[in-house]
Each structure stands twice: as C-alpha cells, then as structure tokens.
C-alpha atoms as a PDB file:
ATOM      1  CA  MET A   1      19.256 -61.177  57.132  1.00  0.00           C
ATOM      2  CA  ALA A   2      19.121 -62.528  53.635  1.00  0.00           C
ATOM      3  CA  ARG A   3      16.190 -61.741  51.541  1.00  0.00           C
ATOM      4  CA  VAL A   4      14.331 -64.844  50.411  1.00  0.00           C
ATOM      5  CA  ARG A   5      12.853 -64.669  46.980  1.00  0.00           C
ATOM      6  CA  GLU A   6       9.445 -66.160  46.686  1.00  0.00           C
ATOM      7  CA  SER A   7       8.871 -68.237  43.619  1.00  0.00           C
ATOM      8  CA  LYS A   8       5.706 -67.597  41.760  1.00  0.00           C
ATOM      9  CA  VAL A   9       3.923 -69.971  39.454  1.00  0.00           C
ATOM     10  CA  PHE A  10       2.974 -68.480  36.118  1.00  0.00           C
ATOM     11  CA  PHE A  11       0.892 -69.800  33.315  1.00  0.00           C
ATOM     12  CA  PRO A  12       2.799 -69.805  30.017  1.00  0.00           C
ATOM     13  CA  TRP A  13       0.841 -66.816  28.731  1.00  0.00           C
ATOM     14  CA  GLU A  14       1.536 -64.860  31.924  1.00  0.00           C
ATOM     15  CA  ARG A  15       5.278 -65.247  31.745  1.00  0.00           C
ATOM     16  CA  ARG A  16       7.107 -62.084  30.880  1.00  0.00           C
ATOM     17  CA  ARG A  17       9.695 -62.737  28.246  1.00  0.00           C
ATOM     18  CA  GLY A  18      10.545 -59.216  27.427  1.00  0.00           C
ATOM     19  CA  LEU A  19      10.482 -57.505  24.069  1.00  0.00           C
ATOM     20  CA  PHE A  20      12.137 -60.342  22.101  1.00  0.00           C
ATOM     21  CA  GLY A  21       9.714 -62.948  23.438  1.00  0.00           C
ATOM     22  CA  MET A  22       6.746 -60.898  22.318  1.00  0.00           C
ATOM     23  CA  LEU A  23       8.227 -60.292  18.873  1.00  0.00           C
ATOM     24  CA  GLY A  24       8.940 -63.996  18.448  1.00  0.00           C
ATOM     25  CA  ARG A  25       5.369 -65.031  19.125  1.00  0.00           C
ATOM     26  CA  THR A  26       4.001 -62.296  16.907  1.00  0.00           C
ATOM     27  CA  ARG A  27       6.355 -63.271  14.099  1.00  0.00           C
ATOM     28  CA  VAL A  28       5.282 -66.918  14.254  1.00  0.00           C
ATOM     29  CA  ARG A  29       1.624 -65.950  14.079  1.00  0.00           C
ATOM     30  CA  LEU A  30       2.294 -63.607  11.179  1.00  0.00           C
ATOM     31  CA  VAL A  31       4.238 -66.238   9.222  1.00  0.00           C
ATOM     32  CA  ALA A  32       1.524 -68.829   9.861  1.00  0.00           C
ATOM     33  CA  ALA A  33      -1.169 -66.401   8.675  1.00  0.00           C
ATOM     34  CA  VAL A  34       0.794 -65.488   5.538  1.00  0.00           C
ATOM     35  CA  VAL A  35       1.463 -69.140   4.653  1.00  0.00           C
ATOM     36  CA  THR A  36      -2.183 -70.067   5.224  1.00  0.00           C
ATOM     37  CA  GLY A  37      -3.341 -67.152   3.078  1.00  0.00           C
ATOM     38  CA  LEU A  38      -0.909 -68.052   0.297  1.00  0.00           C
ATOM     39  CA  VAL A  39      -2.024 -71.688   0.258  1.00  0.00           C
ATOM     40  CA  LEU A  40      -5.662 -70.591   0.138  1.00  0.00           C
ATOM     41  CA  VAL A  41      -5.038 -68.198  -2.769  1.00  0.00           C
ATOM     42  CA  LEU A  42      -3.118 -70.848  -4.739  1.00  0.00           C
ATOM     43  CA  TRP A  43      -5.854 -73.435  -4.151  1.00  0.00           C
ATOM     44  CA  ILE A  44      -8.582 -71.030  -5.318  1.00  0.00           C
ATOM     45  CA  HIS A  45      -6.506 -70.071  -8.366  1.00  0.00           C
ATOM     46  CA  ALA A  46      -6.014 -73.707  -9.400  1.00  0.00           C
ATOM     47  CA  ARG A  47      -9.706 -74.461  -8.938  1.00  0.00           C
ATOM     48  CA  GLU A  48     -10.799 -71.427 -10.967  1.00  0.00           C
ATOM     49  CA  GLU A  49      -8.250 -72.163 -13.704  1.00  0.00           C
ATOM     50  CA  LYS A  50      -9.662 -75.669 -14.109  1.00  0.00           C
ATOM     51  CA  ALA A  51     -13.232 -74.324 -14.151  1.00  0.00           C
ATOM     52  CA  ALA A  52     -12.284 -71.744 -16.809  1.00  0.00           C
ATOM     53  CA  GLY A  53     -10.762 -74.524 -18.926  1.00  0.00           C
ATOM     54  CA  ILE A  54     -13.949 -76.560 -18.645  1.00  0.00           C
ATOM     55  CA  ARG A  55     -16.082 -73.569 -19.662  1.00  0.00           C
ATOM     56  CA  ALA A  56     -13.856 -72.842 -22.675  1.00  0.00           C
ATOM     57  CA  THR A  57     -13.909 -76.495 -23.722  1.00  0.00           C
ATOM     58  CA  ARG A  58     -17.706 -76.638 -23.481  1.00  0.00           C
ATOM     59  CA  ALA A  59     -17.937 -73.552 -25.699  1.00  0.00           C
ATOM     60  CA  THR A  60     -15.647 -75.207 -28.255  1.00  0.00           C
ATOM     61  CA  ILE A  61     -17.714 -78.405 -28.095  1.00  0.00           C
ATOM     62  CA  THR A  62     -20.905 -76.402 -28.710  1.00  0.00           C
ATOM     63  CA  GLY A  63     -19.433 -74.726 -31.790  1.00  0.00           C
ATOM     64  CA  THR A  64     -18.100 -78.030 -33.098  1.00  0.00           C
ATOM     65  CA  TYR A  65     -21.451 -79.706 -32.457  1.00  0.00           C
ATOM     66  CA  ARG A  66     -23.171 -77.100 -34.631  1.00  0.00           C
ATOM     67  CA  ALA A  67     -20.551 -77.540 -37.375  1.00  0.00           C
ATOM     68  CA  VAL A  68     -20.979 -81.338 -37.384  1.00  0.00           C
ATOM     69  CA  ALA A  69     -24.769 -80.941 -37.480  1.00  0.00           C
ATOM     70  CA  SER A  70     -24.415 -78.638 -40.503  1.00  0.00           C
ATOM     71  CA  TYR A  71     -22.037 -81.112 -42.162  1.00  0.00           C
ATOM     72  CA  ARG A  72     -24.522 -83.943 -41.617  1.00  0.00           C
ATOM     73  CA  ALA A  73     -27.370 -81.844 -43.018  1.00  0.00           C
ATOM     74  CA  ASP A  74     -25.350 -81.172 -46.181  1.00  0.00           C
ATOM     75  CA  HIS A  75     -24.167 -84.800 -46.575  1.00  0.00           C
ATOM     76  CA  ALA A  76     -27.419 -86.762 -46.133  1.00  0.00           C
ATOM     77  CA  GLY A  77     -26.822 -87.556 -42.458  1.00  0.00           C
ATOM     78  CA  ALA A  78     -23.281 -88.905 -42.881  1.00  0.00           C
ATOM     79  CA  CYS A  79     -20.753 -88.047 -40.179  1.00  0.00           C
ATOM     80  CA  PRO A  80     -17.296 -86.746 -41.014  1.00  0.00           C
ATOM     81  CA  ARG A  81     -14.576 -89.391 -40.555  1.00  0.00           C
ATOM     82  CA  GLU A  82     -12.465 -86.878 -38.663  1.00  0.00           C
ATOM     83  CA  LEU A  83     -12.832 -83.286 -37.509  1.00  0.00           C
ATOM     84  CA  GLY A  84     -10.355 -82.151 -40.171  1.00  0.00           C
ATOM     85  CA  GLU A  85     -13.079 -82.640 -42.773  1.00  0.00           C
ATOM     86  CA  LEU A  86     -14.965 -79.768 -41.153  1.00  0.00           C
ATOM     87  CA  VAL A  87     -12.059 -77.455 -41.980  1.00  0.00           C
ATOM     88  CA  SER A  88     -11.816 -78.577 -45.609  1.00  0.00           C
ATOM     89  CA  GLY A  89     -15.598 -78.216 -45.980  1.00  0.00           C
ATOM     90  CA  GLY A  90     -15.543 -74.663 -44.579  1.00  0.00           C
ATOM     91  CA  TYR A  91     -17.618 -75.432 -41.491  1.00  0.00           C
ATOM     92  CA  VAL A  92     -14.877 -74.326 -39.071  1.00  0.00           C
ATOM     93  CA  GLN A  93     -11.636 -72.413 -39.590  1.00  0.00           C
ATOM     94  CA  ASP A  94      -9.314 -74.608 -37.521  1.00  0.00           C
ATOM     95  CA  VAL A  95      -9.381 -78.115 -36.099  1.00  0.00           C
ATOM     96  CA  PRO A  96     -11.002 -77.729 -32.661  1.00  0.00           C
ATOM     97  CA  PHE A  97      -8.905 -78.392 -29.555  1.00  0.00           C
ATOM     98  CA  ASP A  98      -9.879 -78.345 -25.893  1.00  0.00           C
ATOM     99  CA  ALA A  99      -8.499 -75.847 -23.370  1.00  0.00           C
ATOM    100  CA  TRP A 100      -5.612 -78.182 -22.499  1.00  0.00           C
ATOM    101  CA  GLY A 101      -4.386 -78.552 -26.075  1.00  0.00           C
ATOM    102  CA  GLY A 102      -5.865 -81.960 -26.797  1.00  0.00           C
ATOM    103  CA  PRO A 103      -8.032 -82.730 -29.807  1.00  0.00           C
ATOM    104  CA  LEU A 104     -11.766 -83.189 -29.414  1.00  0.00           C
ATOM    105  CA  ARG A 105     -13.202 -86.664 -29.985  1.00  0.00           C
ATOM    106  CA  LEU A 106     -16.062 -87.277 -32.411  1.00  0.00           C
ATOM    107  CA  THR A 107     -18.097 -90.442 -31.811  1.00  0.00           C
ATOM    108  CA  CYS A 108     -20.522 -91.302 -34.595  1.00  0.00           C
ATOM    109  CA  PRO A 109     -22.883 -93.037 -33.976  1.00  0.00           C
ATOM    110  CA  GLY A 110     -23.233 -91.769 -30.458  1.00  0.00           C
ATOM    111  CA  ARG A 111     -23.209 -93.992 -27.384  1.00  0.00           C
ATOM    112  CA  ARG A 112     -26.493 -92.610 -26.052  1.00  0.00           C
ATOM    113  CA  ASP A 113     -28.169 -91.861 -29.382  1.00  0.00           C
ATOM    114  CA  PRO A 114     -27.390 -94.390 -32.152  1.00  0.00           C
ATOM    115  CA  SER A 115     -28.693 -92.041 -34.849  1.00  0.00           C
ATOM    116  CA  GLY A 116     -26.744 -89.038 -33.507  1.00  0.00           C
ATOM    117  CA  PHE A 117     -23.164 -88.202 -32.601  1.00  0.00           C
ATOM    118  CA  GLU A 118     -21.166 -87.081 -29.585  1.00  0.00           C
ATOM    119  CA  ILE A 119     -18.273 -84.700 -29.185  1.00  0.00           C
ATOM    120  CA  SER A 120     -16.101 -84.917 -26.075  1.00  0.00           C
ATOM    121  CA  SER A 121     -12.757 -83.921 -24.629  1.00  0.00           C
ATOM    122  CA  ASP A 122     -10.404 -86.092 -22.589  1.00  0.00           C
ATOM    123  CA  GLY A 123     -10.140 -83.353 -19.961  1.00  0.00           C
ATOM    124  CA  PRO A 124      -7.121 -82.068 -18.066  1.00  0.00           C
ATOM    125  CA  ASP A 125      -5.630 -85.513 -17.378  1.00  0.00           C
ATOM    126  CA  ARG A 126      -5.786 -86.452 -21.108  1.00  0.00           C
ATOM    127  CA  LEU A 127      -6.954 -89.997 -20.376  1.00  0.00           C
ATOM    128  CA  PRO A 128      -9.489 -91.215 -22.962  1.00  0.00           C
ATOM    129  CA  GLY A 129     -12.772 -91.777 -21.145  1.00  0.00           C
ATOM    130  CA  GLY A 130     -11.274 -90.556 -17.864  1.00  0.00           C
ATOM    131  CA  LEU A 131     -13.303 -89.315 -14.935  1.00  0.00           C
ATOM    132  CA  ASP A 132     -12.695 -85.639 -15.741  1.00  0.00           C
ATOM    133  CA  ARG A 133     -13.702 -85.771 -19.421  1.00  0.00           C
ATOM    134  CA  VAL A 134     -15.842 -82.924 -20.726  1.00  0.00           C
ATOM    135  CA  GLU A 135     -18.887 -83.701 -22.866  1.00  0.00           C
END
C-alpha cells in the first residue's frame, strides 16, 4: 500500500525554508534598516549644516551692522557706498561674506526704515531676494 502524503496549507510566515531562507529574510531587513538609518543621518546632517550656515551668517550680519552704524556716526549719517569702505576706514578687518561665500548686501536707505539701512545675504541658493535670504 502506497503512502499518501497529505498536503498542508501554510501561511507564508509558517513555511519552513531552512537556514538559507531565514538568512535571506534577515539580510533584507538588515539592509533596509541600514539604508533607512543612513538616509536619516544624511538628512539630519544637511539640515544642521544649513542651520549652522544661517547662524554664522547672522553673526556676520550683526558685526557688519555695528560697523556700518559706527561708520554712519562718524560720517554725519552717511552710508558707505560699498562694504569695502568699512575696511579702509578700519571698522572691520575684511570685507564680510556670508557662510556660503557670497558677499553681504548693504541697502541704504533701508526698505523698512527710510532713515536706516539693511544688511542681508542672498542665502544658500545665491539668488538676490530669494526665499532663503538671511536678514
């Protein structure tokens, strides 16, 4: 009498695939976790690098603002034509640049205050008046 094998229905997670089947699933999960972690770390790094650039640019703008205010106090309220005049007058040591290597912009008279001035940076995209400018 021949032995009849009964077929059993298994759910995919109940199927026994042996040692190589288990290693394959584990390897896929591990690779997916590593890739996800790497993408997360790179995204956080890029975000923090941009934030550090903005903080450094704001510090440069603050120092330049003080230098222009001193220049105006010494020159009867007149603004410098360019930021290079601050260097020749001894108000700053070097021409100020933002964190991305672009020059700062001096607007005199200011847009918001007609009797004042404004100093701004084009930001990381270097577009004048762009959405990511730093003021």
